[in-house]
PDB file of N, CA and C in Angstrom:
ATOM      1  N   UNK A   1      18.517  11.836  -1.593  1.00  0.00           N
ATOM      2  CA  UNK A   1      18.508  10.409  -1.365  1.00  0.00           C
ATOM      3  C   UNK A   1      17.516   9.754  -2.330  1.00  0.00           C
ATOM      4  N   UNK A   2      17.740   8.490  -2.615  1.00  0.00           N
ATOM      5  CA  UNK A   2      16.889   7.757  -3.549  1.00  0.00           C
ATOM      6  C   UNK A   2      15.944   6.847  -2.764  1.00  0.00           C
ATOM      7  N   UNK A   3      14.659   6.901  -3.103  1.00  0.00           N
ATOM      8  CA  UNK A   3      13.638   6.036  -2.513  1.00  0.00           C
ATOM      9  C   UNK A   3      12.773   5.500  -3.650  1.00  0.00           C
ATOM     10  N   UNK A   4      11.924   4.527  -3.340  1.00  0.00           N
ATOM     11  CA  UNK A   4      11.006   3.972  -4.328  1.00  0.00           C
ATOM     12  C   UNK A   4       9.574   4.112  -3.836  1.00  0.00           C
ATOM     13  N   UNK A   5       8.655   4.238  -4.778  1.00  0.00           N
ATOM     14  CA  UNK A   5       7.224   4.236  -4.488  1.00  0.00           C
ATOM     15  C   UNK A   5       6.619   3.141  -5.360  1.00  0.00           C
ATOM     16  N   UNK A   6       5.857   2.239  -4.734  1.00  0.00           N
ATOM     17  CA  UNK A   6       5.304   1.088  -5.447  1.00  0.00           C
ATOM     18  C   UNK A   6       3.796   1.002  -5.278  1.00  0.00           C
ATOM     19  N   UNK A   7       3.140   0.543  -6.348  1.00  0.00           N
ATOM     20  CA  UNK A   7       1.705   0.277  -6.310  1.00  0.00           C
ATOM     21  C   UNK A   7       1.451  -0.911  -7.226  1.00  0.00           C
ATOM     22  N   UNK A   8       0.546  -1.789  -6.817  1.00  0.00           N
ATOM     23  CA  UNK A   8       0.282  -2.975  -7.625  1.00  0.00           C
ATOM     24  C   UNK A   8      -1.198  -3.305  -7.668  1.00  0.00           C
ATOM     25  N   UNK A   9      -1.617  -3.717  -8.828  1.00  0.00           N
ATOM     26  CA  UNK A   9      -2.926  -4.302  -9.048  1.00  0.00           C
ATOM     27  C   UNK A   9      -2.689  -5.769  -9.409  1.00  0.00           C
ATOM     28  N   UNK A  10      -3.706  -6.601  -9.434  1.00  0.00           N
ATOM     29  CA  UNK A  10      -3.473  -8.003  -9.791  1.00  0.00           C
ATOM     30  C   UNK A  10      -2.819  -8.192 -11.168  1.00  0.00           C
ATOM     31  N   UNK A  11      -3.078  -7.294 -12.089  1.00  0.00           N
ATOM     32  CA  UNK A  11      -2.582  -7.453 -13.457  1.00  0.00           C
ATOM     33  C   UNK A  11      -1.511  -6.434 -13.865  1.00  0.00           C
ATOM     34  N   UNK A  12      -1.192  -5.486 -12.993  1.00  0.00           N
ATOM     35  CA  UNK A  12      -0.242  -4.424 -13.352  1.00  0.00           C
ATOM     36  C   UNK A  12       0.404  -3.870 -12.088  1.00  0.00           C
ATOM     37  N   UNK A  13       1.708  -3.630 -12.143  1.00  0.00           N
ATOM     38  CA  UNK A  13       2.379  -3.003 -11.009  1.00  0.00           C
ATOM     39  C   UNK A  13       3.415  -2.009 -11.517  1.00  0.00           C
ATOM     40  N   UNK A  14       3.767  -1.105 -10.632  1.00  0.00           N
ATOM     41  CA  UNK A  14       4.732  -0.067 -10.998  1.00  0.00           C
ATOM     42  C   UNK A  14       5.574   0.267  -9.772  1.00  0.00           C
ATOM     43  N   UNK A  15       6.892   0.296  -9.952  1.00  0.00           N
ATOM     44  CA  UNK A  15       7.810   0.760  -8.916  1.00  0.00           C
ATOM     45  C   UNK A  15       8.581   1.927  -9.510  1.00  0.00           C
ATOM     46  N   UNK A  16       8.417   3.085  -8.886  1.00  0.00           N
ATOM     47  CA  UNK A  16       9.072   4.292  -9.373  1.00  0.00           C
ATOM     48  C   UNK A  16      10.197   4.684  -8.429  1.00  0.00           C
ATOM     49  N   UNK A  17      11.351   4.934  -8.982  1.00  0.00           N
ATOM     50  CA  UNK A  17      12.502   5.375  -8.196  1.00  0.00           C
ATOM     51  C   UNK A  17      12.589   6.891  -8.324  1.00  0.00           C
ATOM     52  N   UNK A  18      12.793   7.574  -7.180  1.00  0.00           N
ATOM     53  CA  UNK A  18      12.908   9.019  -7.247  1.00  0.00           C
ATOM     54  C   UNK A  18      13.915   9.535  -6.231  1.00  0.00           C
ATOM     55  N   UNK A  19      14.459  10.678  -6.541  1.00  0.00           N
ATOM     56  CA  UNK A  19      15.400  11.337  -5.655  1.00  0.00           C
ATOM     57  C   UNK A  19      14.640  12.423  -4.900  1.00  0.00           C
ATOM     58  N   UNK A  20      14.751  12.380  -3.572  1.00  0.00           N
ATOM     59  CA  UNK A  20      14.040  13.344  -2.716  1.00  0.00           C
ATOM     60  C   UNK A  20      15.020  13.926  -1.703  1.00  0.00           C
ATOM     61  N   UNK A  21      14.605  14.997  -1.069  1.00  0.00           N
ATOM     62  CA  UNK A  21      15.428  15.620  -0.038  1.00  0.00           C
ATOM     63  C   UNK A  21      15.410  14.808   1.252  1.00  0.00           C
ATOM     64  N   UNK A  22      16.328  15.093   2.144  1.00  0.00           N
ATOM     65  CA  UNK A  22      16.458  14.347   3.392  1.00  0.00           C
ATOM     66  C   UNK A  22      15.278  14.527   4.342  1.00  0.00           C
ATOM     67  N   UNK A  23      14.555  15.599   4.241  1.00  0.00           N
ATOM     68  CA  UNK A  23      13.422  15.868   5.130  1.00  0.00           C
ATOM     69  C   UNK A  23      12.082  15.518   4.470  1.00  0.00           C
ATOM     70  N   UNK A  24      12.082  14.564   3.558  1.00  0.00           N
ATOM     71  CA  UNK A  24      10.869  14.194   2.833  1.00  0.00           C
ATOM     72  C   UNK A  24      10.058  13.182   3.631  1.00  0.00           C
ATOM     73  N   UNK A  25       8.749  13.442   3.744  1.00  0.00           N
ATOM     74  CA  UNK A  25       7.870  12.496   4.430  1.00  0.00           C
ATOM     75  C   UNK A  25       7.384  11.427   3.456  1.00  0.00           C
ATOM     76  N   UNK A  26       6.802  10.394   4.008  1.00  0.00           N
ATOM     77  CA  UNK A  26       6.250   9.314   3.190  1.00  0.00           C
ATOM     78  C   UNK A  26       5.211   9.876   2.228  1.00  0.00           C
ATOM     79  N   UNK A  27       4.296  10.688   2.736  1.00  0.00           N
ATOM     80  CA  UNK A  27       3.230  11.255   1.893  1.00  0.00           C
ATOM     81  C   UNK A  27       3.811  12.134   0.794  1.00  0.00           C
ATOM     82  N   UNK A  28       4.805  12.944   1.115  1.00  0.00           N
ATOM     83  CA  UNK A  28       5.419  13.809   0.104  1.00  0.00           C
ATOM     84  C   UNK A  28       6.044  12.994  -1.019  1.00  0.00           C
ATOM     85  N   UNK A  29       6.653  11.864  -0.679  1.00  0.00           N
ATOM     86  CA  UNK A  29       7.256  11.005  -1.704  1.00  0.00           C
ATOM     87  C   UNK A  29       6.185  10.406  -2.608  1.00  0.00           C
ATOM     88  N   UNK A  30       5.063   9.991  -2.022  1.00  0.00           N
ATOM     89  CA  UNK A  30       3.964   9.436  -2.825  1.00  0.00           C
ATOM     90  C   UNK A  30       3.460  10.484  -3.815  1.00  0.00           C
ATOM     91  N   UNK A  31       3.252  11.700  -3.341  1.00  0.00           N
ATOM     92  CA  UNK A  31       2.767  12.774  -4.212  1.00  0.00           C
ATOM     93  C   UNK A  31       3.809  13.093  -5.288  1.00  0.00           C
ATOM     94  N   UNK A  32       5.071  13.196  -4.891  1.00  0.00           N
ATOM     95  CA  UNK A  32       6.140  13.548  -5.827  1.00  0.00           C
ATOM     96  C   UNK A  32       6.383  12.468  -6.880  1.00  0.00           C
ATOM     97  N   UNK A  33       6.053  11.236  -6.571  1.00  0.00           N
ATOM     98  CA  UNK A  33       6.314  10.132  -7.498  1.00  0.00           C
ATOM     99  C   UNK A  33       5.495  10.224  -8.776  1.00  0.00           C
ATOM    100  N   UNK A  34       4.327  10.858  -8.710  1.00  0.00           N
ATOM    101  CA  UNK A  34       3.455  10.915  -9.880  1.00  0.00           C
ATOM    102  C   UNK A  34       2.770   9.590 -10.163  1.00  0.00           C
ATOM    103  N   UNK A  35       2.679   8.736  -9.165  1.00  0.00           N
ATOM    104  CA  UNK A  35       2.060   7.418  -9.342  1.00  0.00           C
ATOM    105  C   UNK A  35       0.617   7.536  -9.814  1.00  0.00           C
ATOM    106  N   UNK A  36      -0.039   8.632  -9.455  1.00  0.00           N
ATOM    107  CA  UNK A  36      -1.436   8.824  -9.865  1.00  0.00           C
ATOM    108  C   UNK A  36      -1.574   9.064 -11.372  1.00  0.00           C
ATOM    109  N   UNK A  37      -0.484   9.369 -12.061  1.00  0.00           N
ATOM    110  CA  UNK A  37      -0.522   9.473 -13.516  1.00  0.00           C
ATOM    111  C   UNK A  37      -0.644   8.086 -14.143  1.00  0.00           C
ATOM    112  N   UNK A  38      -0.071   7.077 -13.482  1.00  0.00           N
ATOM    113  CA  UNK A  38      -0.139   5.696 -13.965  1.00  0.00           C
ATOM    114  C   UNK A  38      -1.405   4.994 -13.476  1.00  0.00           C
ATOM    115  N   UNK A  39      -1.864   5.379 -12.281  1.00  0.00           N
ATOM    116  CA  UNK A  39      -3.045   4.782 -11.655  1.00  0.00           C
ATOM    117  C   UNK A  39      -3.950   5.920 -11.161  1.00  0.00           C
ATOM    118  N   UNK A  40      -4.811   6.456 -12.025  1.00  0.00           N
ATOM    119  CA  UNK A  40      -5.637   7.609 -11.649  1.00  0.00           C
ATOM    120  C   UNK A  40      -6.564   7.349 -10.454  1.00  0.00           C
ATOM    121  N   UNK A  41      -6.852   6.091 -10.166  1.00  0.00           N
ATOM    122  CA  UNK A  41      -7.743   5.776  -9.051  1.00  0.00           C
ATOM    123  C   UNK A  41      -7.088   5.959  -7.683  1.00  0.00           C
ATOM    124  N   UNK A  42      -5.790   6.131  -7.644  1.00  0.00           N
ATOM    125  CA  UNK A  42      -5.073   6.293  -6.381  1.00  0.00           C
ATOM    126  C   UNK A  42      -5.223   7.728  -5.880  1.00  0.00           C
ATOM    127  N   UNK A  43      -5.729   7.869  -4.666  1.00  0.00           N
ATOM    128  CA  UNK A  43      -5.833   9.182  -4.031  1.00  0.00           C
ATOM    129  C   UNK A  43      -4.559   9.395  -3.219  1.00  0.00           C
ATOM    130  N   UNK A  44      -3.574  10.045  -3.811  1.00  0.00           N
ATOM    131  CA  UNK A  44      -2.257  10.167  -3.191  1.00  0.00           C
ATOM    132  C   UNK A  44      -2.273  10.934  -1.874  1.00  0.00           C
ATOM    133  N   UNK A  45      -3.311  11.722  -1.641  1.00  0.00           N
ATOM    134  CA  UNK A  45      -3.375  12.516  -0.416  1.00  0.00           C
ATOM    135  C   UNK A  45      -3.960  11.761   0.772  1.00  0.00           C
ATOM    136  N   UNK A  46      -4.597  10.618   0.531  1.00  0.00           N
ATOM    137  CA  UNK A  46      -5.212   9.901   1.656  1.00  0.00           C
ATOM    138  C   UNK A  46      -5.047   8.387   1.615  1.00  0.00           C
ATOM    139  N   UNK A  47      -4.355   7.852   0.630  1.00  0.00           N
ATOM    140  CA  UNK A  47      -4.220   6.396   0.521  1.00  0.00           C
ATOM    141  C   UNK A  47      -3.401   5.831   1.694  1.00  0.00           C
ATOM    142  N   UNK A  48      -3.701   4.570   2.015  1.00  0.00           N
ATOM    143  CA  UNK A  48      -2.940   3.870   3.053  1.00  0.00           C
ATOM    144  C   UNK A  48      -1.583   3.480   2.477  1.00  0.00           C
ATOM    145  N   UNK A  49      -0.537   3.639   3.284  1.00  0.00           N
ATOM    146  CA  UNK A  49       0.815   3.349   2.805  1.00  0.00           C
ATOM    147  C   UNK A  49       1.611   2.587   3.858  1.00  0.00           C
ATOM    148  N   UNK A  50       2.702   2.007   3.398  1.00  0.00           N
ATOM    149  CA  UNK A  50       3.610   1.316   4.295  1.00  0.00           C
ATOM    150  C   UNK A  50       5.016   1.375   3.737  1.00  0.00           C
ATOM    151  N   UNK A  51       5.957   0.899   4.538  1.00  0.00           N
ATOM    152  CA  UNK A  51       7.347   0.824   4.107  1.00  0.00           C
ATOM    153  C   UNK A  51       7.792  -0.616   4.282  1.00  0.00           C
ATOM    154  N   UNK A  52       8.178  -1.245   3.179  1.00  0.00           N
ATOM    155  CA  UNK A  52       8.611  -2.644   3.188  1.00  0.00           C
ATOM    156  C   UNK A  52       7.620  -3.545   3.932  1.00  0.00           C
ATOM    157  N   UNK A  53       6.316  -3.374   3.654  1.00  0.00           N
ATOM    158  CA  UNK A  53       5.299  -4.263   4.214  1.00  0.00           C
ATOM    159  C   UNK A  53       4.789  -3.918   5.594  1.00  0.00           C
ATOM    160  N   UNK A  54       5.263  -2.844   6.178  1.00  0.00           N
ATOM    161  CA  UNK A  54       4.774  -2.423   7.494  1.00  0.00           C
ATOM    162  C   UNK A  54       4.029  -1.101   7.349  1.00  0.00           C
ATOM    163  N   UNK A  55       2.773  -1.090   7.804  1.00  0.00           N
ATOM    164  CA  UNK A  55       1.940   0.099   7.672  1.00  0.00           C
ATOM    165  C   UNK A  55       2.554   1.295   8.391  1.00  0.00           C
ATOM    166  N   UNK A  56       2.392   2.450   7.783  1.00  0.00           N
ATOM    167  CA  UNK A  56       2.839   3.710   8.378  1.00  0.00           C
ATOM    168  C   UNK A  56       1.584   4.465   8.802  1.00  0.00           C
ATOM    169  N   UNK A  57       1.311   4.533  10.117  1.00  0.00           N
ATOM    170  CA  UNK A  57       0.068   5.166  10.573  1.00  0.00           C
ATOM    171  C   UNK A  57       0.012   6.680  10.350  1.00  0.00           C
ATOM    172  N   UNK A  58       1.156   7.354  10.337  1.00  0.00           N
ATOM    173  CA  UNK A  58       1.177   8.818  10.163  1.00  0.00           C
ATOM    174  C   UNK A  58       2.139   9.183   9.020  1.00  0.00           C
ATOM    175  N   UNK A  59       1.719   8.936   7.770  1.00  0.00           N
ATOM    176  CA  UNK A  59       2.616   9.173   6.636  1.00  0.00           C
ATOM    177  C   UNK A  59       2.982  10.639   6.417  1.00  0.00           C
ATOM    178  N   UNK A  60       2.196  11.553   6.989  1.00  0.00           N
ATOM    179  CA  UNK A  60       2.521  12.969   6.843  1.00  0.00           C
ATOM    180  C   UNK A  60       3.608  13.407   7.818  1.00  0.00           C
ATOM    181  N   UNK A  61       3.951  12.540   8.766  1.00  0.00           N
ATOM    182  CA  UNK A  61       4.968  12.863   9.773  1.00  0.00           C
ATOM    183  C   UNK A  61       6.224  12.010   9.630  1.00  0.00           C
ATOM    184  N   UNK A  62       6.099  10.809   9.122  1.00  0.00           N
ATOM    185  CA  UNK A  62       7.225   9.860   9.061  1.00  0.00           C
ATOM    186  C   UNK A  62       8.200  10.260   7.960  1.00  0.00           C
ATOM    187  N   UNK A  63       9.442  10.566   8.359  1.00  0.00           N
ATOM    188  CA  UNK A  63      10.492  10.930   7.407  1.00  0.00           C
ATOM    189  C   UNK A  63      11.085   9.663   6.798  1.00  0.00           C
ATOM    190  N   UNK A  64      11.424   9.744   5.533  1.00  0.00           N
ATOM    191  CA  UNK A  64      12.018   8.609   4.839  1.00  0.00           C
ATOM    192  C   UNK A  64      13.520   8.526   5.070  1.00  0.00           C
ATOM    193  N   UNK A  65      14.029   7.310   4.919  1.00  0.00           N
ATOM    194  CA  UNK A  65      15.466   7.054   4.988  1.00  0.00           C
ATOM    195  C   UNK A  65      15.911   6.587   3.606  1.00  0.00           C
ATOM    196  N   UNK A  66      17.183   6.790   3.267  1.00  0.00           N
ATOM    197  CA  UNK A  66      17.659   6.392   1.939  1.00  0.00           C
ATOM    198  C   UNK A  66      17.380   4.905   1.662  1.00  0.00           C
ATOM    199  N   UNK A  67      16.908   4.636   0.436  1.00  0.00           N
ATOM    200  CA  UNK A  67      16.693   3.263  -0.003  1.00  0.00           C
ATOM    201  C   UNK A  67      15.365   2.641   0.396  1.00  0.00           C
ATOM    202  N   UNK A  68      14.536   3.358   1.145  1.00  0.00           N
ATOM    203  CA  UNK A  68      13.254   2.777   1.563  1.00  0.00           C
ATOM    204  C   UNK A  68      12.284   2.709   0.384  1.00  0.00           C
ATOM    205  N   UNK A  69      11.397   1.707   0.440  1.00  0.00           N
ATOM    206  CA  UNK A  69      10.355   1.558  -0.576  1.00  0.00           C
ATOM    207  C   UNK A  69       8.998   1.824   0.059  1.00  0.00           C
ATOM    208  N   UNK A  70       8.312   2.836  -0.418  1.00  0.00           N
ATOM    209  CA  UNK A  70       6.969   3.166   0.048  1.00  0.00           C
ATOM    210  C   UNK A  70       5.988   2.352  -0.784  1.00  0.00           C
ATOM    211  N   UNK A  71       5.110   1.632  -0.114  1.00  0.00           N
ATOM    212  CA  UNK A  71       4.112   0.828  -0.805  1.00  0.00           C
ATOM    213  C   UNK A  71       2.733   1.434  -0.575  1.00  0.00           C
ATOM    214  N   UNK A  72       1.983   1.585  -1.635  1.00  0.00           N
ATOM    215  CA  UNK A  72       0.627   2.112  -1.553  1.00  0.00           C
ATOM    216  C   UNK A  72      -0.314   0.924  -1.491  1.00  0.00           C
ATOM    217  N   UNK A  73      -1.186   0.905  -0.489  1.00  0.00           N
ATOM    218  CA  UNK A  73      -2.087  -0.223  -0.293  1.00  0.00           C
ATOM    219  C   UNK A  73      -3.460   0.055  -0.863  1.00  0.00           C
ATOM    220  N   UNK A  74      -4.031  -0.980  -1.487  1.00  0.00           N
ATOM    221  CA  UNK A  74      -5.401  -0.898  -1.997  1.00  0.00           C
ATOM    222  C   UNK A  74      -6.361  -1.231  -0.863  1.00  0.00           C
ATOM    223  N   UNK A  75      -7.583  -0.713  -0.924  1.00  0.00           N
ATOM    224  CA  UNK A  75      -8.573  -1.080   0.097  1.00  0.00           C
ATOM    225  C   UNK A  75      -8.925  -2.562  -0.018  1.00  0.00           C
ATOM    226  N   UNK A  76      -9.256  -3.192   1.098  1.00  0.00           N
ATOM    227  CA  UNK A  76      -9.653  -4.594   1.084  1.00  0.00           C
ATOM    228  C   UNK A  76     -11.015  -4.746   0.426  1.00  0.00           C
ATOM    229  N   UNK A  77     -11.164  -5.791  -0.361  1.00  0.00           N
ATOM    230  CA  UNK A  77     -12.443  -6.090  -0.999  1.00  0.00           C
ATOM    231  C   UNK A  77     -13.372  -6.753   0.007  1.00  0.00           C
ATOM    232  N   UNK A  78     -12.797  -7.624   0.838  1.00  0.00           N
ATOM    233  CA  UNK A  78     -13.583  -8.339   1.851  1.00  0.00           C
ATOM    234  C   UNK A  78     -12.789  -8.386   3.145  1.00  0.00           C
ATOM    235  N   UNK A  79     -13.495  -8.431   4.261  1.00  0.00           N
ATOM    236  CA  UNK A  79     -12.861  -8.527   5.563  1.00  0.00           C
ATOM    237  C   UNK A  79     -12.271  -9.937   5.719  1.00  0.00           C
ATOM    238  N   UNK A  80     -10.957 -10.082   5.902  1.00  0.00           N
ATOM    239  CA  UNK A  80     -10.346 -11.404   6.000  1.00  0.00           C
ATOM    240  C   UNK A  80     -10.926 -12.267   7.120  1.00  0.00           C
ATOM    241  N   UNK A  81     -11.272 -11.658   8.244  1.00  0.00           N
ATOM    242  CA  UNK A  81     -11.854 -12.431   9.351  1.00  0.00           C
ATOM    243  C   UNK A  81     -13.201 -13.020   8.951  1.00  0.00           C
ATOM    244  N   UNK A  82     -13.997 -12.221   8.268  1.00  0.00           N
ATOM    245  CA  UNK A  82     -15.317 -12.690   7.840  1.00  0.00           C
ATOM    246  C   UNK A  82     -15.189 -13.809   6.808  1.00  0.00           C
ATOM    247  N   UNK A  83     -14.251 -13.686   5.900  1.00  0.00           N
ATOM    248  CA  UNK A  83     -14.024 -14.723   4.887  1.00  0.00           C
ATOM    249  C   UNK A  83     -13.618 -16.034   5.552  1.00  0.00           C
ATOM    250  N   UNK A  84     -12.716 -15.983   6.537  1.00  0.00           N
ATOM    251  CA  UNK A  84     -12.300 -17.198   7.256  1.00  0.00           C
ATOM    252  C   UNK A  84     -13.479 -17.821   7.994  1.00  0.00           C
ATOM    253  N   UNK A  85     -14.305 -16.964   8.602  1.00  0.00           N
ATOM    254  CA  UNK A  85     -15.476 -17.440   9.332  1.00  0.00           C
ATOM    255  C   UNK A  85     -16.433 -18.183   8.391  1.00  0.00           C
ATOM    256  N   UNK A  86     -16.674 -17.602   7.231  1.00  0.00           N
ATOM    257  CA  UNK A  86     -17.567 -18.223   6.252  1.00  0.00           C
ATOM    258  C   UNK A  86     -16.994 -19.539   5.737  1.00  0.00           C
ATOM    259  N   UNK A  87     -15.697 -19.590   5.507  1.00  0.00           N
ATOM    260  CA  UNK A  87     -15.047 -20.812   5.033  1.00  0.00           C
ATOM    261  C   UNK A  87     -15.142 -21.912   6.081  1.00  0.00           C
ATOM    262  N   UNK A  88     -14.935 -21.560   7.342  1.00  0.00           N
ATOM    263  CA  UNK A  88     -15.038 -22.542   8.439  1.00  0.00           C
ATOM    264  C   UNK A  88     -16.455 -23.077   8.545  1.00  0.00           C
ATOM    265  N   UNK A  89     -17.446 -22.203   8.428  1.00  0.00           N
ATOM    266  CA  UNK A  89     -18.845 -22.646   8.497  1.00  0.00           C
ATOM    267  C   UNK A  89     -19.173 -23.567   7.330  1.00  0.00           C
ATOM    268  N   UNK A  90     -18.662 -23.260   6.163  1.00  0.00           N
ATOM    269  CA  UNK A  90     -18.904 -24.089   4.975  1.00  0.00           C
ATOM    270  C   UNK A  90     -18.261 -25.473   5.153  1.00  0.00           C
ATOM    271  N   UNK A  91     -17.035 -25.503   5.655  1.00  0.00           N
ATOM    272  CA  UNK A  91     -16.342 -26.779   5.884  1.00  0.00           C
ATOM    273  C   UNK A  91     -17.061 -27.610   6.940  1.00  0.00           C
ATOM    274  N   UNK A  92     -17.542 -26.972   7.974  1.00  0.00           N
ATOM    275  CA  UNK A  92     -18.270 -27.660   9.034  1.00  0.00           C
ATOM    276  C   UNK A  92     -19.561 -28.279   8.494  1.00  0.00           C
ATOM    277  N   UNK A  93     -20.265 -27.514   7.677  1.00  0.00           N
ATOM    278  CA  UNK A  93     -21.518 -28.004   7.095  1.00  0.00           C
ATOM    279  C   UNK A  93     -21.235 -29.175   6.148  1.00  0.00           C
ATOM    280  N   UNK A  94     -20.133 -29.119   5.415  1.00  0.00           N
ATOM    281  CA  UNK A  94     -19.796 -30.210   4.498  1.00  0.00           C
ATOM    282  C   UNK A  94     -19.452 -31.487   5.252  1.00  0.00           C
ATOM    283  N   UNK A  95     -18.793 -31.379   6.389  1.00  0.00           N
ATOM    284  CA  UNK A  95     -18.435 -32.556   7.193  1.00  0.00           C
ATOM    285  C   UNK A  95     -19.679 -33.193   7.818  1.00  0.00           C
ATOM    286  N   UNK A  96     -20.668 -32.383   8.174  1.00  0.00           N
ATOM    287  CA  UNK A  96     -21.877 -32.882   8.801  1.00  0.00           C
ATOM    288  C   UNK A  96     -22.813 -33.527   7.786  1.00  0.00           C
ATOM    289  N   UNK A  97     -22.639 -33.214   6.520  1.00  0.00           N
ATOM    290  CA  UNK A  97     -23.544 -33.760   5.506  1.00  0.00           C
ATOM    291  C   UNK A  97     -23.178 -35.162   5.081  1.00  0.00           C
TER     292      UNK A  97
END
């Protein structure tokens, strides 16, 4: 079956199409894709992954279906909740001034 493995940076992205067996897990597809040759910083054995935008909590157990796209997620630079909190505090302070 054919599946895709995708990884993106702000300035560069790559989607690799590969043929895998029917009993292939998400993690096995990531390793088989060779994405780490294009992005050496990606730790294919422990990176966070998802399928079509939905996180896969157990990529070593989840079997792929034909046509699925595995997405490799980068770590967050900042906690989104904290950023929103800081923005709200800044807006509040600006209104009071």
